[in-house]
Amino acid sequence: MHRGSKLLASLFMSAALAAPIAVNAVARPQDDRDRERQERAERRMYDREHRDYHNWDDREDGTYRRWLQERHEAYRDFNRLKRREQRDYWNWRHSHEQHEEHEEHEQH
């Protein structure tokens, strides 16, 4: 009987130690949204034609959505666009860059 109680005590101790780990391992919806937001903020996109990088943050995403709106197109993730469509966006983006910088300076 003594050996059985040692085994039972070991099982309870293992369960007690594993419980906090199991609880923390479960993804929470808020954590997922925060992680997605962080990943989007850290994403860098390369513009082949202009040979530069752009940080794909909320601002860039808004600019991209404006481009889609001007073209009367539904939202699609930028990575799902064909290469030609991505090139069209970057060309449009670069042609509107000076206009955006001018607007920023006027606001400040």
N, C-alpha and C. Protein backbone atom coordinates (compact mmCIF):
# COMPACT_ATOMS: atom_id res chain seq x y z
N MET A 1 0.82 -1.19 0.00
CA MET A 1 0.00 0.00 0.00
C MET A 1 0.86 1.25 0.00
N HIS A 2 2.00 1.20 0.65
CA HIS A 2 2.88 2.35 0.73
C HIS A 2 3.38 2.75 -0.67
N ARG A 3 3.70 1.75 -1.51
CA ARG A 3 4.18 2.02 -2.87
C ARG A 3 3.06 2.66 -3.70
N GLY A 4 1.84 2.26 -3.52
CA GLY A 4 0.70 2.83 -4.24
C GLY A 4 0.48 4.29 -3.89
N SER A 5 0.65 4.66 -2.63
CA SER A 5 0.47 6.05 -2.25
C SER A 5 1.60 6.93 -2.78
N LYS A 6 2.82 6.36 -2.89
CA LYS A 6 3.94 7.11 -3.48
C LYS A 6 3.67 7.40 -4.95
N LEU A 7 3.13 6.39 -5.64
CA LEU A 7 2.81 6.54 -7.05
C LEU A 7 1.71 7.60 -7.24
N LEU A 8 0.70 7.52 -6.41
CA LEU A 8 -0.39 8.48 -6.46
C LEU A 8 0.10 9.90 -6.17
N ALA A 9 0.97 10.04 -5.18
CA ALA A 9 1.53 11.35 -4.85
C ALA A 9 2.35 11.90 -6.01
N SER A 10 3.11 11.02 -6.68
CA SER A 10 3.92 11.44 -7.84
C SER A 10 3.03 11.91 -8.98
N LEU A 11 1.92 11.20 -9.20
CA LEU A 11 1.01 11.61 -10.25
C LEU A 11 0.39 12.98 -9.96
N PHE A 12 -0.03 13.19 -8.71
CA PHE A 12 -0.61 14.48 -8.34
C PHE A 12 0.41 15.60 -8.48
N MET A 13 1.65 15.32 -8.08
CA MET A 13 2.71 16.34 -8.18
C MET A 13 2.99 16.68 -9.65
N SER A 14 3.03 15.67 -10.50
CA SER A 14 3.26 15.91 -11.93
C SER A 14 2.13 16.73 -12.53
N ALA A 15 0.90 16.40 -12.18
CA ALA A 15 -0.25 17.13 -12.69
C ALA A 15 -0.22 18.58 -12.21
N ALA A 16 0.15 18.78 -10.96
CA ALA A 16 0.20 20.13 -10.40
C ALA A 16 1.26 20.97 -11.10
N LEU A 17 2.38 20.38 -11.42
CA LEU A 17 3.45 21.11 -12.11
C LEU A 17 3.11 21.37 -13.58
N ALA A 18 2.39 20.45 -14.21
CA ALA A 18 2.08 20.59 -15.64
C ALA A 18 0.89 21.52 -15.89
N ALA A 19 0.01 21.70 -14.95
CA ALA A 19 -1.21 22.49 -15.16
C ALA A 19 -0.92 23.93 -15.59
N PRO A 20 -0.03 24.68 -14.92
CA PRO A 20 0.21 26.06 -15.38
C PRO A 20 0.79 26.12 -16.79
N ILE A 21 1.60 25.17 -17.15
CA ILE A 21 2.18 25.14 -18.49
C ILE A 21 1.09 24.92 -19.52
N ALA A 22 0.18 23.99 -19.24
CA ALA A 22 -0.90 23.70 -20.17
C ALA A 22 -1.83 24.90 -20.32
N VAL A 23 -2.11 25.60 -19.25
CA VAL A 23 -2.99 26.77 -19.31
C VAL A 23 -2.36 27.87 -20.15
N ASN A 24 -1.08 28.12 -19.99
CA ASN A 24 -0.40 29.17 -20.74
C ASN A 24 -0.20 28.81 -22.20
N ALA A 25 -0.20 27.52 -22.51
CA ALA A 25 0.03 27.09 -23.89
C ALA A 25 -1.20 27.31 -24.77
N VAL A 26 -2.36 27.48 -24.19
CA VAL A 26 -3.59 27.70 -24.95
C VAL A 26 -3.59 29.13 -25.48
N ALA A 27 -3.71 29.27 -26.81
CA ALA A 27 -3.73 30.61 -27.42
C ALA A 27 -5.03 31.31 -27.10
N ARG A 28 -4.93 32.54 -26.75
CA ARG A 28 -6.12 33.34 -26.48
C ARG A 28 -6.41 34.20 -27.71
N PRO A 29 -7.68 34.45 -28.00
CA PRO A 29 -8.02 35.26 -29.19
C PRO A 29 -7.31 36.61 -29.21
N GLN A 30 -7.23 37.30 -28.09
CA GLN A 30 -6.56 38.60 -28.04
C GLN A 30 -5.08 38.46 -28.38
N ASP A 31 -4.46 37.38 -27.87
CA ASP A 31 -3.06 37.14 -28.17
C ASP A 31 -2.86 36.94 -29.67
N ASP A 32 -3.79 36.22 -30.31
CA ASP A 32 -3.69 35.99 -31.75
C ASP A 32 -3.77 37.31 -32.51
N ARG A 33 -4.70 38.18 -32.12
CA ARG A 33 -4.83 39.49 -32.81
C ARG A 33 -3.57 40.32 -32.60
N ASP A 34 -3.04 40.32 -31.39
CA ASP A 34 -1.82 41.07 -31.12
C ASP A 34 -0.66 40.53 -31.94
N ARG A 35 -0.56 39.21 -32.02
CA ARG A 35 0.52 38.59 -32.78
C ARG A 35 0.38 38.92 -34.25
N GLU A 36 -0.84 38.86 -34.80
CA GLU A 36 -1.05 39.21 -36.21
C GLU A 36 -0.69 40.66 -36.47
N ARG A 37 -1.08 41.54 -35.57
CA ARG A 37 -0.77 42.97 -35.72
C ARG A 37 0.75 43.18 -35.70
N GLN A 38 1.43 42.49 -34.80
CA GLN A 38 2.88 42.61 -34.69
C GLN A 38 3.57 42.08 -35.95
N GLU A 39 3.11 40.92 -36.43
CA GLU A 39 3.71 40.36 -37.64
C GLU A 39 3.52 41.28 -38.83
N ARG A 40 2.32 41.88 -38.93
CA ARG A 40 2.06 42.80 -40.04
C ARG A 40 2.96 44.02 -39.93
N ALA A 41 3.18 44.49 -38.72
CA ALA A 41 4.03 45.67 -38.51
C ALA A 41 5.49 45.37 -38.85
N GLU A 42 5.89 44.14 -38.69
CA GLU A 42 7.29 43.78 -38.92
C GLU A 42 7.55 43.31 -40.35
N ARG A 43 6.50 43.14 -41.14
CA ARG A 43 6.66 42.61 -42.48
C ARG A 43 7.31 43.65 -43.39
N ARG A 44 8.32 43.25 -44.10
CA ARG A 44 8.97 44.15 -45.06
C ARG A 44 8.76 43.58 -46.45
N MET A 45 8.43 44.47 -47.36
CA MET A 45 8.18 44.05 -48.73
C MET A 45 9.24 44.67 -49.64
N TYR A 46 9.69 43.88 -50.60
CA TYR A 46 10.70 44.37 -51.53
C TYR A 46 10.04 44.77 -52.84
N ASP A 47 10.36 45.95 -53.31
CA ASP A 47 9.89 46.47 -54.58
C ASP A 47 11.01 46.25 -55.59
N ARG A 48 10.85 45.26 -56.46
CA ARG A 48 11.91 44.89 -57.39
C ARG A 48 12.28 46.01 -58.35
N GLU A 49 11.27 46.64 -58.90
CA GLU A 49 11.52 47.65 -59.92
C GLU A 49 12.24 48.88 -59.36
N HIS A 50 11.83 49.31 -58.18
CA HIS A 50 12.45 50.48 -57.56
C HIS A 50 13.60 50.12 -56.63
N ARG A 51 13.81 48.84 -56.46
CA ARG A 51 14.91 48.31 -55.64
C ARG A 51 14.95 48.91 -54.23
N ASP A 52 13.80 48.87 -53.58
CA ASP A 52 13.76 49.34 -52.21
C ASP A 52 12.77 48.50 -51.39
N TYR A 53 12.83 48.69 -50.10
CA TYR A 53 11.96 47.96 -49.18
C TYR A 53 10.91 48.91 -48.61
N HIS A 54 9.77 48.35 -48.27
CA HIS A 54 8.71 49.09 -47.61
C HIS A 54 8.26 48.29 -46.40
N ASN A 55 8.12 48.95 -45.27
CA ASN A 55 7.55 48.29 -44.10
C ASN A 55 6.05 48.20 -44.30
N TRP A 56 5.52 46.99 -44.21
CA TRP A 56 4.08 46.81 -44.40
C TRP A 56 3.41 46.96 -43.04
N ASP A 57 3.10 48.19 -42.71
CA ASP A 57 2.44 48.50 -41.44
C ASP A 57 1.02 48.98 -41.75
N ASP A 58 0.34 49.48 -40.72
CA ASP A 58 -1.04 49.95 -40.92
C ASP A 58 -1.11 51.07 -41.95
N ARG A 59 -0.11 51.91 -41.96
CA ARG A 59 -0.09 53.03 -42.91
C ARG A 59 0.02 52.53 -44.36
N GLU A 60 0.95 51.60 -44.57
CA GLU A 60 1.11 51.04 -45.92
C GLU A 60 -0.14 50.27 -46.33
N ASP A 61 -0.71 49.55 -45.40
CA ASP A 61 -1.93 48.80 -45.69
C ASP A 61 -3.06 49.75 -46.08
N GLY A 62 -3.14 50.90 -45.41
CA GLY A 62 -4.15 51.90 -45.76
C GLY A 62 -3.93 52.46 -47.15
N THR A 63 -2.67 52.70 -47.50
CA THR A 63 -2.33 53.20 -48.84
C THR A 63 -2.71 52.16 -49.89
N TYR A 64 -2.40 50.90 -49.58
CA TYR A 64 -2.74 49.81 -50.50
C TYR A 64 -4.26 49.72 -50.69
N ARG A 65 -5.00 49.85 -49.60
CA ARG A 65 -6.46 49.80 -49.69
C ARG A 65 -7.00 50.97 -50.52
N ARG A 66 -6.37 52.13 -50.41
CA ARG A 66 -6.79 53.28 -51.22
C ARG A 66 -6.54 52.99 -52.71
N TRP A 67 -5.41 52.36 -53.02
CA TRP A 67 -5.09 51.98 -54.40
C TRP A 67 -6.15 51.02 -54.93
N LEU A 68 -6.51 50.03 -54.12
CA LEU A 68 -7.54 49.09 -54.55
C LEU A 68 -8.87 49.82 -54.78
N GLN A 69 -9.19 50.73 -53.89
CA GLN A 69 -10.45 51.47 -54.00
C GLN A 69 -10.47 52.29 -55.29
N GLU A 70 -9.37 52.94 -55.61
CA GLU A 70 -9.30 53.73 -56.85
C GLU A 70 -9.49 52.86 -58.08
N ARG A 71 -9.09 51.61 -57.97
CA ARG A 71 -9.22 50.67 -59.08
C ARG A 71 -10.55 49.92 -59.05
N HIS A 72 -11.36 50.21 -58.04
CA HIS A 72 -12.66 49.54 -57.86
C HIS A 72 -12.49 48.03 -57.73
N GLU A 73 -11.51 47.64 -56.93
CA GLU A 73 -11.24 46.23 -56.71
C GLU A 73 -11.48 45.87 -55.25
N ALA A 74 -11.90 44.65 -55.02
CA ALA A 74 -12.10 44.14 -53.66
C ALA A 74 -10.73 43.89 -53.02
N TYR A 75 -10.72 43.94 -51.69
CA TYR A 75 -9.47 43.72 -50.97
C TYR A 75 -8.96 42.30 -51.19
N ARG A 76 -7.68 42.20 -51.47
CA ARG A 76 -6.96 40.93 -51.52
C ARG A 76 -5.63 41.15 -50.83
N ASP A 77 -5.17 40.16 -50.12
CA ASP A 77 -3.86 40.27 -49.48
C ASP A 77 -2.83 40.56 -50.56
N PHE A 78 -1.93 41.50 -50.27
CA PHE A 78 -0.93 41.92 -51.26
C PHE A 78 -0.12 40.74 -51.77
N ASN A 79 0.22 39.81 -50.88
CA ASN A 79 1.02 38.65 -51.29
C ASN A 79 0.31 37.75 -52.28
N ARG A 80 -1.00 37.88 -52.39
CA ARG A 80 -1.76 37.05 -53.31
C ARG A 80 -1.91 37.68 -54.70
N LEU A 81 -1.46 38.91 -54.84
CA LEU A 81 -1.52 39.57 -56.15
C LEU A 81 -0.50 38.94 -57.08
N LYS A 82 -0.80 39.00 -58.36
CA LYS A 82 0.18 38.57 -59.36
C LYS A 82 1.33 39.57 -59.35
N ARG A 83 2.48 39.14 -59.80
CA ARG A 83 3.66 40.01 -59.80
C ARG A 83 3.41 41.31 -60.55
N ARG A 84 2.68 41.23 -61.67
CA ARG A 84 2.37 42.44 -62.45
C ARG A 84 1.53 43.41 -61.64
N GLU A 85 0.57 42.87 -60.89
CA GLU A 85 -0.29 43.73 -60.07
C GLU A 85 0.51 44.35 -58.93
N GLN A 86 1.43 43.59 -58.34
CA GLN A 86 2.29 44.15 -57.30
C GLN A 86 3.15 45.27 -57.87
N ARG A 87 3.67 45.07 -59.07
CA ARG A 87 4.48 46.10 -59.72
C ARG A 87 3.64 47.35 -59.97
N ASP A 88 2.39 47.14 -60.41
CA ASP A 88 1.50 48.28 -60.64
C ASP A 88 1.29 49.06 -59.35
N TYR A 89 1.12 48.34 -58.24
CA TYR A 89 0.93 49.03 -56.96
C TYR A 89 2.17 49.84 -56.60
N TRP A 90 3.36 49.22 -56.70
CA TRP A 90 4.57 49.94 -56.30
C TRP A 90 4.79 51.16 -57.19
N ASN A 91 4.50 51.05 -58.48
CA ASN A 91 4.62 52.22 -59.37
C ASN A 91 3.68 53.32 -58.92
N TRP A 92 2.43 52.96 -58.63
CA TRP A 92 1.45 53.93 -58.14
C TRP A 92 1.91 54.52 -56.82
N ARG A 93 2.42 53.65 -55.96
CA ARG A 93 2.86 54.07 -54.62
C ARG A 93 3.98 55.10 -54.72
N HIS A 94 4.95 54.83 -55.58
CA HIS A 94 6.07 55.77 -55.72
C HIS A 94 5.63 57.08 -56.36
N SER A 95 4.67 57.04 -57.23
CA SER A 95 4.20 58.28 -57.85
C SER A 95 3.38 59.12 -56.88
N HIS A 96 2.86 58.51 -55.81
CA HIS A 96 2.06 59.24 -54.82
C HIS A 96 2.84 59.57 -53.56
N GLU A 97 4.08 59.15 -53.49
CA GLU A 97 4.89 59.37 -52.28
C GLU A 97 5.09 60.85 -51.98
N GLN A 98 5.45 61.63 -52.96
CA GLN A 98 5.69 63.06 -52.72
C GLN A 98 4.41 63.75 -52.27
N HIS A 99 3.30 63.35 -52.84
CA HIS A 99 2.01 63.94 -52.46
C HIS A 99 1.72 63.66 -50.98
N GLU A 100 1.98 62.44 -50.53
CA GLU A 100 1.74 62.08 -49.14
C GLU A 100 2.66 62.84 -48.20
N GLU A 101 3.94 62.98 -48.57
CA GLU A 101 4.88 63.72 -47.72
C GLU A 101 4.45 65.17 -47.61
N HIS A 102 3.96 65.75 -48.69
CA HIS A 102 3.50 67.13 -48.68
C HIS A 102 2.31 67.29 -47.72
N GLU A 103 1.37 66.33 -47.76
CA GLU A 103 0.21 66.37 -46.86
C GLU A 103 0.64 66.28 -45.40
N GLU A 104 1.63 65.43 -45.12
CA GLU A 104 2.11 65.27 -43.73
C GLU A 104 2.68 66.57 -43.20
N HIS A 105 3.48 67.25 -44.00
CA HIS A 105 4.08 68.49 -43.56
C HIS A 105 3.03 69.57 -43.29
N GLU A 106 1.97 69.56 -44.09
CA GLU A 106 0.90 70.55 -43.89
C GLU A 106 0.14 70.30 -42.62
N GLN A 107 0.03 69.04 -42.20
CA GLN A 107 -0.71 68.69 -40.99
C GLN A 107 0.04 69.07 -39.72
N HIS A 108 1.35 69.15 -39.79
CA HIS A 108 2.15 69.42 -38.58
C HIS A 108 2.41 70.87 -38.41
